[in-house]
Amino acid sequence: MLGQNIGIAETVDGLSRLFRKCEILLRPHGQMLANSVDESYRCGAAMPQEGYPGELEFRLCHEDRCGPWMRWLHVDYETLSARAGECGWSIKKLADSGEGAFLARLQPGRLT
């Protein structure tokens, strides 16, 4: 899930579905590396928004052609950690930029 691809969850609630799918795909004792960014840190308090600040909608355009609207999730470490725990996954922060970006290791079950 490097390259902020944990964003395919689309929403914070979608993380549970993503964890279930990944648990099926991982080999026994497998792990997932994920990086993301805390949008509230990046945007600051000057940008009020309803709902979770990392639940984004965007579309790609070139000249006069635009694709469909897409949903994407940028999730902060604390929220990701809480959702992982609710789904029975362990999480460990491996790196922190100090500016809202992080790298984490996630594994189904608890670390021993």
Protein backbone atom coordinates (compact mmCIF):
# COMPACT_ATOMS: atom_id res chain seq x y z
CA MET A 1 0.00 0.00 0.00
CA LEU A 2 2.94 2.31 -0.62
CA GLY A 3 2.34 5.45 -2.66
CA GLN A 4 -0.61 6.24 -0.36
CA ASN A 5 -2.56 3.42 -1.99
CA ILE A 6 -4.40 2.71 1.25
CA GLY A 7 -6.56 5.45 -0.25
CA ILE A 8 -8.43 2.79 -2.24
CA ALA A 9 -10.49 2.32 0.94
CA GLU A 10 -12.21 5.58 -0.15
CA THR A 11 -13.54 6.35 3.36
CA VAL A 12 -12.62 5.71 6.98
CA ASP A 13 -15.49 3.20 7.13
CA GLY A 14 -14.08 1.51 4.02
CA LEU A 15 -10.90 0.58 5.94
CA SER A 16 -12.70 -2.36 7.57
CA ARG A 17 -13.59 -3.80 4.16
CA LEU A 18 -10.02 -3.25 2.96
CA PHE A 19 -8.55 -5.03 6.01
CA ARG A 20 -10.83 -8.05 5.42
CA LYS A 21 -9.77 -8.27 1.76
CA CYS A 22 -6.07 -7.88 2.56
CA GLU A 23 -6.22 -10.54 5.26
CA ILE A 24 -7.43 -13.01 2.61
CA LEU A 25 -4.65 -12.00 0.22
CA LEU A 26 -1.75 -12.07 2.67
CA ARG A 27 0.26 -15.22 3.28
CA PRO A 28 0.38 -16.54 6.85
CA HIS A 29 2.44 -14.14 9.00
CA GLY A 30 2.37 -11.64 6.10
CA GLN A 31 2.43 -7.90 6.56
CA MET A 32 1.32 -4.80 4.74
CA LEU A 33 3.32 -1.59 4.51
CA ALA A 34 1.26 1.55 4.12
CA ASN A 35 1.96 5.24 4.01
CA SER A 36 -0.48 8.11 4.15
CA VAL A 37 -0.79 11.69 5.27
CA ASP A 38 -2.93 13.59 7.75
CA GLU A 39 -4.91 16.05 5.59
CA SER A 40 -5.92 18.17 8.58
CA TYR A 41 -2.22 18.78 9.22
CA ARG A 42 -1.54 19.65 5.59
CA CYS A 43 -4.58 21.89 5.16
CA GLY A 44 -4.44 23.52 8.57
CA ALA A 45 -7.40 24.86 10.49
CA ALA A 46 -8.15 27.48 7.83
CA MET A 47 -10.06 25.00 5.64
CA PRO A 48 -13.28 23.94 7.40
CA GLN A 49 -14.82 20.78 6.02
CA GLU A 50 -17.71 18.51 6.89
CA GLY A 51 -16.81 14.96 7.81
CA TYR A 52 -13.36 13.43 7.90
CA PRO A 53 -10.81 15.80 6.24
CA GLY A 54 -8.98 12.98 4.42
CA GLU A 55 -12.04 11.68 2.55
CA LEU A 56 -11.37 13.30 -0.82
CA GLU A 57 -13.15 13.44 -4.16
CA PHE A 58 -11.30 14.34 -7.33
CA ARG A 59 -11.19 13.75 -11.03
CA LEU A 60 -8.46 13.97 -13.60
CA CYS A 61 -8.74 16.32 -16.56
CA HIS A 62 -6.65 17.09 -19.60
CA GLU A 63 -7.61 19.96 -21.87
CA ASP A 64 -11.39 19.60 -22.37
CA ARG A 65 -11.62 15.92 -21.32
CA CYS A 66 -12.38 14.89 -17.74
CA GLY A 67 -12.69 11.45 -16.22
CA PRO A 68 -15.23 10.38 -13.62
CA TRP A 69 -15.18 11.60 -10.03
CA MET A 70 -13.24 9.27 -7.73
CA ARG A 71 -13.05 8.90 -3.97
CA TRP A 72 -9.74 8.56 -2.12
CA LEU A 73 -8.68 8.41 1.50
CA HIS A 74 -5.74 10.11 3.18
CA VAL A 75 -5.84 8.79 6.73
CA ASP A 76 -3.95 9.98 9.80
CA TYR A 77 -2.01 7.44 11.86
CA GLU A 78 -4.27 7.60 14.91
CA THR A 79 -7.42 6.89 12.87
CA LEU A 80 -5.71 4.10 10.92
CA SER A 81 -4.44 2.60 14.18
CA ALA A 82 -7.90 2.67 15.77
CA ARG A 83 -9.56 1.06 12.74
CA ALA A 84 -6.82 -1.55 12.46
CA GLY A 85 -7.30 -2.48 16.12
CA GLU A 86 -11.08 -2.76 15.68
CA CYS A 87 -10.44 -5.24 12.84
CA GLY A 88 -7.94 -7.30 14.85
CA TRP A 89 -4.83 -5.97 13.09
CA SER A 90 -1.65 -4.77 14.77
CA ILE A 91 0.09 -1.63 13.58
CA LYS A 92 3.49 -0.09 14.17
CA LYS A 93 4.67 3.30 12.96
CA LEU A 94 7.99 2.86 11.15
CA ALA A 95 8.62 6.45 10.08
CA ASP A 96 7.10 9.86 10.73
CA SER A 97 7.85 12.96 8.66
CA GLY A 98 6.86 15.31 11.47
CA GLU A 99 4.59 17.00 8.92
CA GLY A 100 1.65 14.60 8.94
CA ALA A 101 3.08 11.88 6.67
CA PHE A 102 3.96 8.43 8.03
CA LEU A 103 4.90 4.85 7.13
CA ALA A 104 3.36 1.94 9.06
CA ARG A 105 3.51 -1.84 9.17
CA LEU A 106 0.18 -3.64 9.58
CA GLN A 107 -0.40 -7.33 10.31
CA PRO A 108 -3.52 -9.39 10.89
CA GLY A 109 -3.60 -10.43 14.55
CA ARG A 110 -1.52 -9.05 17.38
CA LEU A 111 2.26 -8.61 17.33
CA THR A 112 4.02 -11.04 19.64
